[in-house]
Amino acid sequence: MQSVFGAWRSLASALALGVRGYRVKSDLPDNLYTLKRNLFGGAMKTYRQMMEEFDRKVREELTEGLRRCTPEQRGVFVKLYAKDKENPPSFERVVQSIPHKKLDWAMQQVQNTLDKKKRS
C-alpha cells in the first residue's frame, strides 16, 4: 500500500507542474515515465485513460487498507465520508463515492491509521 501512496504523491506533483498530454518517452521526465510504466503496464495512455485507471487503483488500495482496519475505525471513516449520515452505506460504497479531490486525504488518513495500529 505504501508504494501506491508514494506513487499518488509523485503523480499528483507531476500533474500539478503541468505534465499533461505527453505521449512518448523522450518527452517525459524519467521519474514520471517510470511511474507510468510501473503503474499502467508500460503502455502509454492518454491523460484521461491514465487518470481513470489510476483512480481505480487508488480506490482499490484504499478499500484494501480499510479492510485491514478495525470495524470501529471503518465506522469513523464512513461517518467522515458518507453522504447519507442517517443511513450510512458499506465502506466499499463510500470509497467509490469519494470525490477525486478528496482521495489523497483519505489515503493519508487510512495510512496513518494503519501505521498507528502497527505501532500499538
Protein backbone atom coordinates (compact mmCIF):
# COMPACT_ATOMS: atom_id res chain seq x y z
CA MET A 1 0.00 0.00 0.00
CA GLN A 2 2.88 2.35 0.75
CA SER A 3 4.07 2.27 -2.87
CA VAL A 4 0.67 3.47 -4.13
CA PHE A 5 0.70 6.31 -1.59
CA GLY A 6 4.12 7.37 -2.84
CA ALA A 7 3.05 6.96 -6.45
CA TRP A 8 -0.06 9.05 -5.81
CA ARG A 9 2.09 11.85 -4.44
CA SER A 10 4.57 11.66 -7.34
CA LEU A 11 1.87 11.69 -9.98
CA ALA A 12 -0.06 14.46 -8.26
CA SER A 13 3.12 16.57 -8.08
CA ALA A 14 3.95 15.96 -11.73
CA LEU A 15 0.44 16.83 -12.82
CA ALA A 16 0.48 19.96 -10.68
CA LEU A 17 3.58 21.03 -12.60
CA GLY A 18 1.64 20.72 -15.84
CA VAL A 19 2.93 17.39 -17.16
CA ARG A 20 -0.10 16.54 -19.31
CA GLY A 21 -0.61 15.11 -22.73
CA TYR A 22 2.90 13.71 -23.16
CA ARG A 23 2.81 10.69 -25.42
CA VAL A 24 6.38 9.50 -25.92
CA LYS A 25 9.15 8.56 -23.55
CA SER A 26 11.53 11.30 -24.67
CA ASP A 27 9.00 13.97 -23.67
CA LEU A 28 8.57 12.68 -20.14
CA PRO A 29 10.81 13.23 -17.15
CA ASP A 30 12.41 9.88 -16.25
CA ASN A 31 10.63 9.55 -12.90
CA LEU A 32 7.17 10.19 -14.38
CA TYR A 33 7.76 7.77 -17.25
CA THR A 34 8.93 5.11 -14.79
CA LEU A 35 5.91 5.79 -12.60
CA LYS A 36 3.51 5.43 -15.51
CA ARG A 37 5.26 2.29 -16.76
CA ASN A 38 5.11 0.65 -13.35
CA LEU A 39 1.51 1.62 -12.63
CA PHE A 40 0.00 1.13 -16.05
CA GLY A 41 1.83 -1.84 -17.51
CA GLY A 42 4.14 0.05 -19.86
CA ALA A 43 1.55 1.24 -22.37
CA MET A 44 1.46 4.97 -22.85
CA LYS A 45 -2.12 6.14 -22.44
CA THR A 46 -3.98 9.36 -22.84
CA TYR A 47 -4.26 11.62 -19.83
CA ARG A 48 -7.90 10.68 -19.30
CA GLN A 49 -7.20 6.92 -19.50
CA MET A 50 -4.28 7.28 -17.15
CA MET A 51 -6.30 9.19 -14.57
CA GLU A 52 -9.25 6.78 -14.77
CA GLU A 53 -7.01 3.76 -14.26
CA PHE A 54 -5.05 5.46 -11.51
CA ASP A 55 -8.28 6.47 -9.79
CA ARG A 56 -9.48 2.86 -9.93
CA LYS A 57 -6.21 1.53 -8.49
CA VAL A 58 -6.19 4.12 -5.71
CA ARG A 59 -9.75 3.20 -4.75
CA GLU A 60 -8.81 -0.50 -4.70
CA GLU A 61 -5.85 0.20 -2.41
CA LEU A 62 -7.99 2.41 -0.19
CA THR A 63 -10.59 -0.36 0.14
CA GLU A 64 -7.85 -2.89 0.89
CA GLY A 65 -6.39 -0.61 3.56
CA LEU A 66 -9.81 -0.17 5.17
CA ARG A 67 -10.24 -3.96 5.28
CA ARG A 68 -7.15 -4.08 7.49
CA CYS A 69 -8.65 -1.53 9.88
CA THR A 70 -10.89 -2.44 12.79
CA PRO A 71 -14.68 -2.17 12.39
CA GLU A 72 -14.65 0.89 14.67
CA GLN A 73 -12.02 2.61 12.51
CA ARG A 74 -14.01 1.80 9.36
CA GLY A 75 -17.09 3.27 11.06
CA VAL A 76 -15.28 6.55 11.66
CA PHE A 77 -14.19 6.61 8.02
CA VAL A 78 -17.77 6.02 6.86
CA LYS A 79 -19.05 8.79 9.13
CA LEU A 80 -16.49 11.19 7.68
CA TYR A 81 -17.08 10.42 4.00
CA ALA A 82 -20.67 9.10 3.70
CA LYS A 83 -23.15 11.49 2.17
CA ASP A 84 -26.11 9.89 3.96
CA LYS A 85 -25.25 10.23 7.66
CA GLU A 86 -28.57 8.76 8.84
CA ASN A 87 -28.33 5.50 6.89
CA PRO A 88 -24.62 5.04 6.04
CA PRO A 89 -23.66 2.53 3.32
CA SER A 90 -20.83 0.00 3.49
CA PHE A 91 -17.30 1.34 3.45
CA GLU A 92 -16.79 -0.09 -0.07
CA ARG A 93 -19.64 2.07 -1.41
CA VAL A 94 -18.30 5.08 0.49
CA VAL A 95 -14.86 4.64 -1.12
CA GLN A 96 -16.48 4.56 -4.58
CA SER A 97 -18.38 7.77 -3.83
CA ILE A 98 -15.41 9.82 -2.56
CA PRO A 99 -14.69 12.72 -4.92
CA HIS A 100 -11.37 12.52 -6.73
CA LYS A 101 -10.10 15.65 -4.95
CA LYS A 102 -10.52 14.01 -1.53
CA LEU A 103 -8.79 10.71 -2.35
CA ASP A 104 -5.36 11.97 -1.36
CA TRP A 105 -6.53 12.99 2.10
CA ALA A 106 -8.50 9.75 2.56
CA MET A 107 -5.41 7.73 1.62
CA GLN A 108 -3.32 9.66 4.14
CA GLN A 109 -5.88 9.07 6.88
CA VAL A 110 -6.04 5.34 6.24
CA GLN A 111 -2.25 5.05 6.06
CA ASN A 112 -1.86 6.97 9.35
CA THR A 113 -4.46 4.70 10.96
CA LEU A 114 -2.65 1.57 9.76
CA ASP A 115 0.69 2.95 10.97
CA LYS A 116 -0.79 3.71 14.38
CA LYS A 117 -2.34 0.23 14.53
CA LYS A 118 1.00 -1.32 13.63
CA ARG A 119 2.84 0.59 16.39
CA SER A 120 0.41 -0.49 19.12
